[in-house]
N, C-alpha and C. Protein backbone atom coordinates (compact mmCIF):
# COMPACT_ATOMS: atom_id res chain seq x y z
N UNK A 1 0.82 -1.16 0.00
CA UNK A 1 0.00 0.00 0.00
C UNK A 1 0.87 1.24 0.00
N UNK A 2 1.00 1.80 -1.13
CA UNK A 2 1.75 3.03 -1.26
C UNK A 2 0.80 4.22 -1.14
N UNK A 3 0.77 4.78 0.01
CA UNK A 3 -0.07 5.95 0.22
C UNK A 3 0.83 7.17 0.34
N UNK A 4 0.34 8.24 -0.19
CA UNK A 4 1.10 9.49 -0.12
C UNK A 4 0.87 10.12 1.25
N UNK A 5 1.92 10.45 1.90
CA UNK A 5 1.85 11.05 3.23
C UNK A 5 1.39 12.49 3.13
N UNK A 6 0.58 12.89 4.08
CA UNK A 6 0.11 14.27 4.10
C UNK A 6 1.18 15.23 4.59
N UNK A 7 2.14 14.72 5.30
CA UNK A 7 3.22 15.55 5.82
C UNK A 7 4.32 15.62 4.79
N UNK A 8 4.71 16.82 4.46
CA UNK A 8 5.78 16.97 3.49
C UNK A 8 7.11 16.65 4.17
N UNK A 9 7.98 16.08 3.41
CA UNK A 9 9.30 15.74 3.92
C UNK A 9 10.13 17.02 3.94
N UNK A 10 10.74 17.30 5.06
CA UNK A 10 11.56 18.51 5.18
C UNK A 10 12.78 18.37 4.29
N UNK A 11 13.04 19.43 3.57
CA UNK A 11 14.22 19.40 2.70
C UNK A 11 15.47 19.43 3.57
N UNK A 12 16.49 18.71 3.15
CA UNK A 12 17.71 18.70 3.96
C UNK A 12 18.37 20.08 3.95
N UNK A 13 18.94 20.42 5.08
CA UNK A 13 19.63 21.72 5.19
C UNK A 13 20.96 21.61 4.45
N UNK A 14 21.18 22.55 3.57
CA UNK A 14 22.41 22.53 2.79
C UNK A 14 23.58 23.00 3.64
N UNK A 15 24.76 22.53 3.33
CA UNK A 15 25.93 23.01 4.08
C UNK A 15 26.15 24.49 3.80
N UNK A 16 26.53 25.25 4.81
CA UNK A 16 26.63 26.71 4.66
C UNK A 16 27.89 27.16 3.94
N UNK A 17 28.00 26.85 2.67
CA UNK A 17 29.19 27.19 1.89
C UNK A 17 29.32 28.71 1.73
N UNK A 18 28.25 29.36 1.28
CA UNK A 18 28.33 30.80 1.04
C UNK A 18 28.39 31.58 2.35
N UNK A 19 27.81 31.04 3.41
CA UNK A 19 27.94 31.67 4.72
C UNK A 19 29.39 31.65 5.16
N UNK A 20 30.08 30.54 4.93
CA UNK A 20 31.50 30.45 5.28
C UNK A 20 32.33 31.41 4.45
N UNK A 21 31.97 31.59 3.19
CA UNK A 21 32.68 32.56 2.34
C UNK A 21 32.51 33.97 2.91
N UNK A 22 31.29 34.29 3.35
CA UNK A 22 31.02 35.61 3.93
C UNK A 22 31.85 35.83 5.19
N UNK A 23 31.86 34.85 6.07
CA UNK A 23 32.65 34.96 7.30
C UNK A 23 34.14 35.09 6.96
N UNK A 24 34.59 34.34 5.98
CA UNK A 24 35.99 34.43 5.54
C UNK A 24 36.34 35.81 5.01
N UNK A 25 35.42 36.42 4.26
CA UNK A 25 35.66 37.77 3.76
C UNK A 25 35.77 38.79 4.89
N UNK A 26 34.91 38.65 5.90
CA UNK A 26 34.98 39.59 7.01
C UNK A 26 36.22 39.37 7.87
N UNK A 27 36.62 38.13 8.04
CA UNK A 27 37.87 37.86 8.78
C UNK A 27 39.06 38.42 8.01
N UNK A 28 39.05 38.24 6.69
CA UNK A 28 40.12 38.80 5.86
C UNK A 28 40.15 40.32 5.95
N UNK A 29 38.98 40.94 5.99
CA UNK A 29 38.92 42.40 6.13
C UNK A 29 39.49 42.85 7.46
N UNK A 30 39.20 42.12 8.54
CA UNK A 30 39.75 42.48 9.85
C UNK A 30 41.27 42.33 9.85
N UNK A 31 41.78 41.25 9.25
CA UNK A 31 43.23 41.06 9.17
C UNK A 31 43.88 42.14 8.32
N UNK A 32 43.22 42.53 7.23
CA UNK A 32 43.73 43.59 6.36
C UNK A 32 43.78 44.92 7.11
N UNK A 33 42.73 45.22 7.87
CA UNK A 33 42.70 46.46 8.65
C UNK A 33 43.80 46.47 9.70
N UNK A 34 44.04 45.33 10.31
CA UNK A 34 45.11 45.23 11.30
C UNK A 34 46.47 45.45 10.65
N UNK A 35 46.68 44.87 9.47
CA UNK A 35 47.95 45.05 8.76
C UNK A 35 48.16 46.51 8.36
N UNK A 36 47.11 47.17 7.89
CA UNK A 36 47.23 48.58 7.51
C UNK A 36 47.54 49.43 8.74
N UNK A 37 46.86 49.15 9.86
CA UNK A 37 47.11 49.91 11.09
C UNK A 37 48.53 49.70 11.59
N UNK A 38 49.01 48.46 11.55
CA UNK A 38 50.38 48.19 11.99
C UNK A 38 51.40 48.87 11.07
N UNK A 39 51.13 48.88 9.80
CA UNK A 39 52.03 49.55 8.86
C UNK A 39 52.07 51.05 9.12
N UNK A 40 50.92 51.64 9.41
CA UNK A 40 50.89 53.07 9.71
C UNK A 40 51.61 53.39 11.01
N UNK A 41 51.46 52.51 12.01
CA UNK A 41 52.18 52.73 13.27
C UNK A 41 53.68 52.57 13.06
N UNK A 42 54.09 51.58 12.27
CA UNK A 42 55.51 51.33 12.02
C UNK A 42 56.14 52.50 11.26
N UNK A 43 55.41 53.09 10.34
CA UNK A 43 55.95 54.16 9.50
C UNK A 43 55.54 55.55 9.98
N UNK A 44 55.15 55.70 11.22
CA UNK A 44 54.62 56.98 11.70
C UNK A 44 55.64 58.12 11.63
N UNK A 45 56.91 57.84 11.84
CA UNK A 45 57.91 58.92 11.80
C UNK A 45 58.08 59.46 10.39
N UNK A 46 58.19 58.56 9.42
CA UNK A 46 58.36 59.02 8.04
C UNK A 46 57.07 59.65 7.51
N UNK A 47 55.93 59.18 7.97
CA UNK A 47 54.66 59.79 7.54
C UNK A 47 54.53 61.20 8.12
N UNK A 48 54.93 61.36 9.37
CA UNK A 48 54.84 62.68 10.01
C UNK A 48 55.77 63.68 9.37
N UNK A 49 56.98 63.26 8.99
CA UNK A 49 57.92 64.18 8.34
C UNK A 49 57.49 64.52 6.92
N UNK A 50 56.68 63.65 6.30
CA UNK A 50 56.24 63.91 4.94
C UNK A 50 54.93 64.71 4.90
N UNK A 51 54.43 65.10 6.03
CA UNK A 51 53.23 65.93 6.03
C UNK A 51 51.97 65.21 6.47
N UNK A 52 52.04 63.93 6.75
CA UNK A 52 50.87 63.20 7.24
C UNK A 52 49.94 62.64 6.18
N UNK A 53 50.34 62.72 4.91
CA UNK A 53 49.48 62.21 3.84
C UNK A 53 49.38 60.69 3.85
N UNK A 54 50.33 60.02 4.47
CA UNK A 54 50.29 58.56 4.53
C UNK A 54 49.11 58.03 5.34
N UNK A 55 48.69 58.79 6.35
CA UNK A 55 47.53 58.38 7.14
C UNK A 55 46.26 58.44 6.29
N UNK A 56 46.16 59.46 5.47
CA UNK A 56 45.01 59.58 4.58
C UNK A 56 45.01 58.45 3.56
N UNK A 57 46.20 58.13 3.04
CA UNK A 57 46.29 57.03 2.09
C UNK A 57 45.92 55.70 2.74
N UNK A 58 46.36 55.49 3.99
CA UNK A 58 46.02 54.26 4.70
C UNK A 58 44.52 54.12 4.90
N UNK A 59 43.88 55.23 5.26
CA UNK A 59 42.42 55.21 5.42
C UNK A 59 41.72 54.94 4.09
N UNK A 60 42.26 55.52 3.03
CA UNK A 60 41.68 55.31 1.70
C UNK A 60 41.84 53.85 1.26
N UNK A 61 43.00 53.28 1.49
CA UNK A 61 43.24 51.88 1.12
C UNK A 61 42.30 50.97 1.90
N UNK A 62 42.12 51.24 3.20
CA UNK A 62 41.19 50.45 3.98
C UNK A 62 39.76 50.62 3.48
N UNK A 63 39.38 51.84 3.10
CA UNK A 63 38.03 52.07 2.58
C UNK A 63 37.76 51.29 1.30
N UNK A 64 38.74 51.26 0.41
CA UNK A 64 38.58 50.49 -0.83
C UNK A 64 38.48 49.00 -0.52
N UNK A 65 39.34 48.52 0.37
CA UNK A 65 39.28 47.10 0.75
C UNK A 65 37.96 46.74 1.41
N UNK A 66 37.46 47.63 2.28
CA UNK A 66 36.18 47.38 2.95
C UNK A 66 35.03 47.37 1.95
N UNK A 67 35.08 48.28 0.97
CA UNK A 67 34.03 48.33 -0.04
C UNK A 67 33.94 47.02 -0.80
N UNK A 68 35.07 46.55 -1.31
CA UNK A 68 35.04 45.32 -2.12
C UNK A 68 34.76 44.08 -1.29
N UNK A 69 35.26 44.03 -0.06
CA UNK A 69 34.97 42.89 0.81
C UNK A 69 33.48 42.84 1.16
N UNK A 70 32.90 43.99 1.39
CA UNK A 70 31.47 44.02 1.74
C UNK A 70 30.58 43.73 0.53
N UNK A 71 30.99 44.15 -0.66
CA UNK A 71 30.23 43.78 -1.86
C UNK A 71 30.26 42.27 -2.04
N UNK A 72 31.44 41.67 -1.89
CA UNK A 72 31.54 40.21 -1.96
C UNK A 72 30.73 39.54 -0.87
N UNK A 73 30.74 40.11 0.34
CA UNK A 73 29.95 39.58 1.43
C UNK A 73 28.46 39.67 1.16
N UNK A 74 28.03 40.78 0.55
CA UNK A 74 26.61 40.92 0.21
C UNK A 74 26.17 39.88 -0.80
N UNK A 75 26.99 39.66 -1.82
CA UNK A 75 26.64 38.68 -2.86
C UNK A 75 26.59 37.27 -2.28
N UNK A 76 27.60 36.90 -1.51
CA UNK A 76 27.61 35.54 -0.98
C UNK A 76 26.54 35.34 0.10
N UNK A 77 26.21 36.38 0.86
CA UNK A 77 25.13 36.27 1.83
C UNK A 77 23.78 36.14 1.13
N UNK A 78 23.58 36.91 0.07
CA UNK A 78 22.34 36.79 -0.68
C UNK A 78 22.20 35.39 -1.28
N UNK A 79 23.30 34.85 -1.79
CA UNK A 79 23.25 33.48 -2.32
C UNK A 79 22.98 32.46 -1.21
N UNK A 80 23.54 32.70 -0.04
CA UNK A 80 23.29 31.82 1.10
C UNK A 80 21.82 31.83 1.49
N UNK A 81 21.23 33.02 1.54
CA UNK A 81 19.81 33.11 1.88
C UNK A 81 18.94 32.51 0.79
N UNK A 82 19.31 32.70 -0.46
CA UNK A 82 18.55 32.16 -1.58
C UNK A 82 18.57 30.63 -1.58
N UNK A 83 19.71 30.06 -1.23
CA UNK A 83 19.83 28.60 -1.19
C UNK A 83 19.19 28.00 0.05
N UNK A 84 18.88 28.79 1.05
CA UNK A 84 18.26 28.28 2.27
C UNK A 84 19.25 27.59 3.19
N UNK A 85 20.46 28.11 3.25
CA UNK A 85 21.48 27.51 4.12
C UNK A 85 21.17 27.82 5.58
N UNK A 86 21.86 27.14 6.47
CA UNK A 86 21.69 27.37 7.91
C UNK A 86 22.22 28.77 8.27
N UNK A 87 22.00 29.18 9.50
CA UNK A 87 22.45 30.47 10.03
C UNK A 87 21.77 31.64 9.33
N UNK A 88 20.46 31.56 9.15
CA UNK A 88 19.73 32.60 8.42
C UNK A 88 19.74 33.94 9.15
N UNK A 89 19.56 33.94 10.46
CA UNK A 89 19.53 35.21 11.19
C UNK A 89 20.88 35.92 11.14
N UNK A 90 21.93 35.16 11.29
CA UNK A 90 23.27 35.75 11.21
C UNK A 90 23.56 36.23 9.79
N UNK A 91 23.08 35.50 8.80
CA UNK A 91 23.26 35.92 7.41
C UNK A 91 22.54 37.24 7.14
N UNK A 92 21.34 37.39 7.70
CA UNK A 92 20.60 38.65 7.52
C UNK A 92 21.34 39.79 8.21
N UNK A 93 21.91 39.54 9.37
CA UNK A 93 22.69 40.58 10.06
C UNK A 93 23.91 40.97 9.22
N UNK A 94 24.61 39.98 8.66
CA UNK A 94 25.76 40.29 7.79
C UNK A 94 25.32 41.09 6.58
N UNK A 95 24.18 40.75 6.01
CA UNK A 95 23.69 41.46 4.84
C UNK A 95 23.38 42.91 5.16
N UNK A 96 22.77 43.17 6.30
CA UNK A 96 22.45 44.54 6.69
C UNK A 96 23.73 45.33 6.96
N UNK A 97 24.67 44.75 7.68
CA UNK A 97 25.93 45.44 7.98
C UNK A 97 26.70 45.73 6.69
N UNK A 98 26.78 44.74 5.80
CA UNK A 98 27.49 44.94 4.53
C UNK A 98 26.83 46.02 3.70
N UNK A 99 25.52 46.04 3.67
CA UNK A 99 24.81 47.05 2.89
C UNK A 99 25.09 48.45 3.43
N UNK A 100 25.11 48.59 4.75
CA UNK A 100 25.39 49.90 5.33
C UNK A 100 26.81 50.36 5.04
N UNK A 101 27.78 49.45 5.11
CA UNK A 101 29.17 49.81 4.81
C UNK A 101 29.32 50.20 3.35
N UNK A 102 28.72 49.42 2.45
CA UNK A 102 28.82 49.73 1.02
C UNK A 102 28.13 51.06 0.73
N UNK A 103 26.99 51.32 1.37
CA UNK A 103 26.30 52.59 1.15
C UNK A 103 27.15 53.76 1.62
N UNK A 104 27.84 53.58 2.74
CA UNK A 104 28.68 54.64 3.26
C UNK A 104 29.89 54.88 2.36
N UNK A 105 30.48 53.81 1.83
CA UNK A 105 31.70 53.92 1.02
C UNK A 105 31.42 53.85 -0.48
N UNK A 106 30.22 54.16 -0.91
CA UNK A 106 29.84 53.98 -2.31
C UNK A 106 30.62 54.86 -3.27
N UNK A 107 31.16 55.97 -2.81
CA UNK A 107 31.87 56.88 -3.71
C UNK A 107 33.37 56.63 -3.76
N UNK A 108 33.88 55.73 -2.94
CA UNK A 108 35.32 55.50 -2.88
C UNK A 108 35.87 54.98 -4.21
N UNK A 109 35.27 53.96 -4.86
CA UNK A 109 35.82 53.53 -6.15
C UNK A 109 35.76 54.61 -7.22
N UNK A 110 34.73 55.45 -7.20
CA UNK A 110 34.63 56.53 -8.17
C UNK A 110 35.75 57.54 -7.98
N UNK A 111 36.05 57.88 -6.74
CA UNK A 111 37.14 58.82 -6.46
C UNK A 111 38.46 58.21 -6.90
N UNK A 112 38.64 56.91 -6.67
CA UNK A 112 39.86 56.24 -7.09
C UNK A 112 40.04 56.30 -8.60
N UNK A 113 38.98 56.07 -9.35
CA UNK A 113 39.08 56.13 -10.81
C UNK A 113 39.37 57.55 -11.26
N UNK A 114 38.76 58.53 -10.65
CA UNK A 114 39.03 59.92 -11.02
C UNK A 114 40.46 60.33 -10.72
N UNK A 115 41.04 59.80 -9.64
CA UNK A 115 42.41 60.12 -9.32
C UNK A 115 43.40 59.45 -10.28
N UNK A 116 43.03 58.29 -10.79
CA UNK A 116 43.94 57.57 -11.68
C UNK A 116 43.87 58.06 -13.12
N UNK A 117 42.76 58.66 -13.52
CA UNK A 117 42.64 59.16 -14.89
C UNK A 117 43.43 60.45 -15.02
N UNK A 118 44.02 60.69 -16.19
CA UNK A 118 44.77 61.94 -16.39
C UNK A 118 43.83 63.14 -16.42
N UNK A 119 44.28 64.23 -15.82
CA UNK A 119 43.48 65.46 -15.79
C UNK A 119 43.89 66.34 -16.95
N UNK A 120 42.94 67.06 -17.48
CA UNK A 120 43.24 67.96 -18.60
C UNK A 120 43.30 69.39 -18.17
């Protein structure tokens, strides 16, 4: 007697591949920020004698790195939510944080392109 069950079988939870990618991107961003901060502390004497522009460059480099890491985090978190992976609440929190960072730093790549193009 093959009867169809009224209860639907729960779909298996997929392994959180894209969630792990998101966490990896944020850990990489934290390590990158630490490296930039240590480099600025190590070179503080030469930066101070040169007028302090190195601190601005360090902040700019971190801003560009944060922008691209958060864009990658947004994409992989969206894919994680779309696939129905585990850790949905944490994925939504990552998505909100990434969106806010990208919104704040949205003009950084444009400024970088304008600085690299020749001026007339």
